Protein backbone atom coordinates (compact mmCIF):
# COMPACT_ATOMS: atom_id res chain seq x y z
CA MET A 1 0.00 0.00 0.00
CA ILE A 2 1.06 3.60 -0.52
CA PHE A 3 0.28 4.53 3.07
CA LYS A 4 1.24 2.64 6.23
CA THR A 5 -2.00 3.23 8.14
CA ALA A 6 -5.62 4.19 7.47
CA LYS A 7 -5.06 7.50 9.28
CA GLU A 8 -2.07 8.28 7.07
CA SER A 9 -4.15 7.49 3.99
CA HIS A 10 -7.01 9.69 5.20
CA ALA A 11 -4.62 12.54 5.99
CA HIS A 12 -3.61 12.48 2.32
CA SER A 13 -7.25 12.31 1.18
CA LEU A 14 -8.08 15.31 3.36
CA LEU A 15 -5.89 17.56 1.23
CA THR A 16 -8.32 17.05 -1.63
CA LEU A 17 -11.50 16.51 0.40
CA GLU A 18 -11.15 19.89 2.07
CA GLN A 19 -10.52 21.60 -1.26
CA LEU A 20 -13.68 20.04 -2.69
CA ASN A 21 -15.59 21.00 0.43
CA ASN A 22 -14.81 24.64 -0.33
CA HIS A 23 -16.62 24.40 -3.70
CA TYR A 24 -20.09 25.08 -2.33
CA GLU A 25 -22.17 24.71 -5.49
CA PHE A 26 -20.47 21.42 -6.30
CA LYS A 27 -20.91 20.11 -2.78
CA ILE A 28 -24.63 20.79 -2.48
CA SER A 29 -25.24 19.23 -5.91
CA ILE A 30 -24.10 15.79 -4.68
CA ASP A 31 -26.77 13.25 -3.81
CA SER A 32 -24.66 10.09 -3.74
CA ILE A 33 -21.08 8.85 -3.53
CA LEU A 34 -19.44 5.45 -3.92
CA ASP A 35 -16.13 4.88 -2.08
CA ILE A 36 -14.39 1.88 -3.66
CA GLY A 37 -12.04 0.19 -1.21
CA CYS A 38 -13.46 2.20 1.68
CA GLY A 39 -11.48 0.35 4.38
CA VAL A 40 -12.71 -0.77 7.78
CA ASP A 41 -12.32 2.68 9.39
CA LEU A 42 -14.49 4.42 6.75
CA LEU A 43 -12.57 7.66 7.28
CA ASP A 44 -13.02 9.13 3.79
CA LEU A 45 -16.61 7.91 3.57
CA ARG A 46 -17.52 9.47 6.92
CA TYR A 47 -16.07 12.78 5.75
CA TRP A 48 -18.51 12.77 2.83
CA ALA A 49 -21.36 11.56 5.04
CA ASN A 50 -20.88 14.48 7.44
CA MET A 51 -20.43 17.31 4.94
CA GLU A 52 -22.43 20.30 6.12
CA ASP A 53 -24.36 23.04 4.38
CA GLU A 54 -22.64 25.95 6.06
CA LEU A 55 -24.25 28.71 3.95
CA SER A 56 -27.96 27.95 3.93
CA THR A 57 -29.84 29.94 6.57
CA ARG A 58 -32.32 27.09 6.92
CA SER A 59 -29.84 24.26 7.42
CA SER A 60 -26.53 25.82 8.40
CA GLY A 61 -24.35 23.26 10.13
CA ILE A 62 -26.67 20.38 9.26
CA PRO A 63 -25.19 17.45 7.27
CA LEU A 64 -26.23 17.35 3.62
CA ASN A 65 -27.30 13.72 4.11
CA ILE A 66 -25.41 12.51 1.05
CA ASN A 67 -26.17 8.86 0.25
CA CYS A 68 -22.78 7.25 0.93
CA VAL A 69 -21.96 3.69 -0.14
CA GLY A 70 -18.70 1.98 0.73
CA LEU A 71 -17.47 -1.08 -1.14
CA ASP A 72 -14.73 -3.34 0.21
CA LYS A 73 -13.80 -7.02 -0.07
CA VAL A 74 -13.65 -7.45 3.73
CA SER A 75 -16.62 -7.63 6.08
CA ILE A 76 -17.32 -4.29 7.75
CA GLU A 77 -19.91 -3.68 10.42
CA GLN A 78 -22.65 -1.33 9.31
CA PRO A 79 -21.99 2.09 10.94
CA GLU A 80 -24.47 4.06 13.01
CA GLU A 81 -24.79 6.81 10.40
CA LYS A 82 -28.09 6.33 8.56
CA ASN A 83 -26.69 7.67 5.28
CA ILE A 84 -23.82 5.17 5.07
CA LYS A 85 -24.24 1.69 3.60
CA ILE A 86 -21.45 -0.89 3.36
CA ILE A 87 -21.31 -3.54 0.65
CA LYS A 88 -18.91 -6.48 0.82
CA HIS A 89 -17.66 -7.16 -2.70
CA ASP A 90 -14.34 -7.86 -4.43
CA PHE A 91 -14.04 -5.64 -7.53
CA ASN A 92 -11.66 -8.19 -9.12
CA THR A 93 -14.51 -10.65 -9.63
CA GLU A 94 -16.18 -11.09 -13.02
CA ASP A 95 -19.14 -8.90 -12.11
CA GLY A 96 -16.93 -5.88 -11.41
CA LEU A 97 -18.53 -3.63 -8.80
CA GLY A 98 -21.54 -5.89 -8.43
CA ASP A 99 -25.18 -4.81 -8.40
CA LEU A 100 -25.16 -1.36 -6.82
CA ASN A 101 -28.69 -0.33 -7.85
CA ASN A 102 -27.61 3.29 -8.19
CA LYS A 103 -25.84 5.77 -10.45
CA PHE A 104 -23.47 7.80 -8.30
CA ASP A 105 -22.62 11.49 -8.56
CA VAL A 106 -19.12 10.84 -7.18
CA VAL A 107 -16.93 7.74 -7.34
CA TRP A 108 -14.00 7.95 -4.91
CA CYS A 109 -10.98 5.67 -5.48
CA HIS A 110 -8.17 6.57 -3.10
CA ASP A 111 -5.19 4.18 -2.99
CA VAL A 112 -7.06 1.30 -4.60
CA MET A 113 -6.70 0.99 -8.40
CA GLN A 114 -3.20 -0.51 -8.17
CA TYR A 115 -4.86 -3.61 -6.70
CA SER A 116 -7.08 -4.08 -9.74
CA LEU A 117 -6.18 -7.02 -11.98
CA SER A 118 -7.32 -4.92 -14.94
CA PRO A 119 -7.24 -1.12 -14.59
CA ILE A 120 -9.05 -0.64 -17.89
CA SER A 121 -11.90 -2.87 -16.68
CA PHE A 122 -11.87 -1.12 -13.31
CA LEU A 123 -12.39 2.29 -14.95
CA ASN A 124 -15.05 0.79 -17.24
CA ASN A 125 -16.91 -0.41 -14.15
CA CYS A 126 -16.55 3.01 -12.54
CA ASN A 127 -18.12 4.56 -15.63
CA SER A 128 -21.05 2.13 -15.44
CA ALA A 129 -21.64 3.07 -11.80
CA MET A 130 -21.71 6.82 -12.46
CA ALA A 131 -24.38 9.30 -13.44
CA ASP A 132 -23.72 11.34 -16.58
CA GLY A 133 -21.40 14.19 -15.64
CA GLY A 134 -20.44 12.45 -12.39
CA MET A 135 -17.04 13.08 -10.83
CA LEU A 136 -14.30 10.46 -10.53
CA TYR A 137 -11.42 10.87 -8.09
CA VAL A 138 -8.45 8.52 -8.33
CA SER A 139 -5.20 8.38 -6.37
CA VAL A 140 -2.66 5.81 -7.56
CA PRO A 141 1.05 5.09 -7.12
CA THR A 142 3.70 5.81 -9.71
CA THR A 143 6.63 3.72 -8.60
CA PHE A 144 9.32 5.01 -10.87
CA ASN A 145 11.23 8.19 -10.22
CA VAL A 146 14.49 9.99 -10.64
CA MET A 147 16.00 10.20 -7.18
CA HIS A 148 19.42 11.70 -6.51
CA ASN A 149 20.05 11.73 -10.28
CA LYS A 150 19.42 7.98 -10.49
CA PHE A 151 16.42 6.24 -12.04
CA GLU A 152 14.61 4.00 -9.58
CA ASN A 153 11.56 1.80 -9.89
CA TYR A 154 10.09 -0.69 -7.48
CA THR A 155 7.08 -2.95 -6.88
CA LEU A 156 5.13 -3.19 -3.64
CA SER A 157 3.81 -6.54 -2.46
CA GLY A 158 0.23 -7.13 -3.59
CA SER A 159 0.30 -4.16 -5.97
CA TYR A 160 -0.43 -5.33 -9.53
CA ASN A 161 -0.10 -2.03 -11.36
CA THR A 162 1.85 1.17 -11.38
CA PHE A 163 1.02 4.20 -13.48
CA SER A 164 2.48 7.11 -15.38
CA ILE A 165 0.72 10.41 -16.03
CA THR A 166 0.28 9.71 -19.74
CA GLN A 167 -0.84 6.11 -19.25
CA ILE A 168 -3.62 7.01 -16.86
CA ILE A 169 -4.77 9.88 -19.10
CA TYR A 170 -5.10 7.38 -21.97
CA LEU A 171 -7.02 4.88 -19.80
CA LEU A 172 -9.40 7.64 -18.72
CA ALA A 173 -10.10 8.71 -22.29
CA LEU A 174 -10.78 5.15 -23.46
CA ASN A 175 -13.29 4.72 -20.64
CA GLY A 176 -15.36 7.82 -21.40
CA PHE A 177 -13.80 10.30 -18.97
CA ASP A 178 -12.89 13.91 -19.70
CA ILE A 179 -9.19 14.52 -20.39
CA LYS A 180 -9.74 17.96 -21.90
CA ASP A 181 -11.15 19.88 -18.95
CA PHE A 182 -9.97 17.82 -15.99
CA HIS A 183 -7.40 17.98 -13.18
CA ILE A 184 -4.34 15.83 -12.57
CA ARG A 185 -1.16 16.27 -10.58
CA LYS A 186 2.00 14.56 -9.49
CA GLU A 187 4.15 16.46 -7.05
CA PRO A 188 7.93 16.25 -7.63
CA TYR A 189 9.55 13.38 -5.69
CA VAL A 190 6.15 12.13 -4.49
CA ASP A 191 5.13 8.70 -5.80
CA ILE A 192 1.42 9.49 -6.11
CA ILE A 193 -0.73 10.62 -9.03
CA GLU A 194 -4.09 12.23 -8.24
CA LEU A 195 -6.80 13.06 -10.72
CA ILE A 196 -10.30 14.48 -10.83
CA THR A 197 -12.34 14.01 -13.97
CA TYR A 198 -15.91 13.62 -15.16
CA LYS A 199 -17.96 11.07 -17.08
CA ILE A 200 -18.70 12.48 -20.53
CA SER A 201 -19.61 9.35 -22.51
CA GLU A 202 -19.77 5.60 -22.49
CA PRO A 203 -16.38 3.84 -22.92
CA LEU A 204 -14.81 4.15 -26.36
CA ASP A 205 -13.44 1.44 -28.63
CA TYR A 206 -10.25 0.33 -26.90
CA ASN A 207 -8.42 0.49 -30.25
CA THR A 208 -8.90 4.28 -30.27
CA SER A 209 -5.57 6.01 -30.90
CA TRP A 210 -4.23 9.35 -29.73
CA TYR A 211 -4.90 10.66 -33.25
CA ASP A 212 -8.49 9.42 -33.01
CA LEU A 213 -8.90 11.26 -29.71
CA MET A 214 -7.49 14.41 -31.31
CA GLU A 215 -9.85 14.14 -34.30
CA GLN A 216 -12.80 13.69 -31.93
CA ASN A 217 -11.80 16.93 -30.15
CA LEU A 218 -11.22 15.10 -26.87
CA LEU A 219 -7.72 16.52 -26.23
CA ASN A 220 -6.86 19.99 -24.97
CA ILE A 221 -4.56 22.26 -26.97
CA ASN A 222 -1.48 21.28 -24.97
CA MET A 223 -2.07 17.57 -25.63
CA GLU A 224 -2.90 18.17 -29.30
CA GLU A 225 0.44 19.87 -29.87
CA ILE A 226 2.32 16.95 -28.33
CA VAL A 227 0.36 14.27 -30.21
CA PHE A 228 0.65 16.18 -33.50
CA ASN A 229 4.44 16.35 -33.16
CA LYS A 230 5.09 12.94 -31.58
CA GLY A 231 2.20 10.72 -32.60
CA TYR A 232 1.56 9.92 -28.94
CA LEU A 233 1.29 11.71 -25.61
CA THR A 234 4.51 12.18 -23.68
CA ASN A 235 5.36 14.00 -20.48
CA ILE A 236 7.77 16.20 -22.48
CA GLY A 237 5.85 19.46 -22.78
CA LEU A 238 2.82 18.25 -20.83
CA VAL A 239 1.27 20.82 -18.49
CA THR A 240 -1.76 20.26 -16.22
CA THR A 241 -3.57 22.10 -13.44
CA TRP A 242 -5.04 21.00 -10.11
CA ILE A 243 -8.30 22.17 -8.52
CA ASP A 244 -6.44 24.79 -6.47
CA GLY A 245 -5.09 26.38 -9.66
CA ASN A 246 -1.52 25.08 -9.26
CA VAL A 247 0.18 24.31 -12.57
CA TYR A 248 2.31 21.16 -13.05
CA ASP A 249 4.96 20.81 -15.74
CA TYR A 250 6.02 17.21 -16.41
CA ARG A 251 8.94 17.81 -18.73
CA TYR A 252 11.11 16.45 -15.94
CA GLU A 253 9.37 13.39 -14.53
CA ASN A 254 10.41 13.15 -10.88
């Protein structure tokens, strides 16, 4: 795992959760969230479950009562919160995320996709579980870096996948997620990629090329320039932004 404890994992999630909490119109628009790999402590899920409407004069300080569903392969006791439901299910089974009976406004995947036997199927299943325009958050490891002027890569026990910025962008596009007006970041010398994107279509043909994506107007101008010159997307020249407005330049992957 990327993090040693559930509290350490949640502390990392909080950096993004609190930023999202500040976007009032977005927050009050959410009716439901699915937390895949929610963990026995339910720390991220409880944060969503207890989000408050701090601006409304009628309900200031009252939880928004978001319908929160947690999915994990281990048995978890149902919590006291009425708006939290726990489902025991292994997303590596043939039926993906199982029968959820809902289309979620937010799908939250923090420190989990590296354990998927098939990331492309995992994202396909996320798409199927989401309402049109729904938000997907993913945090995954990237276990190759340049450290002290030396290239290093490694594999953690039980982790089946590692990711690069360009690889995960491609997987998102193939599975119907926005890679034109989205957010992604990797801090220098930090082995974590975070992204926030939105469902804009059903999954595409998995033979779709970068040129196909460009012709379908699914790439932003920065990506188009790279693909036009290279024939593929590379980190050389790639620039992205995060939800706080910070700009990330990946010409030097580290």
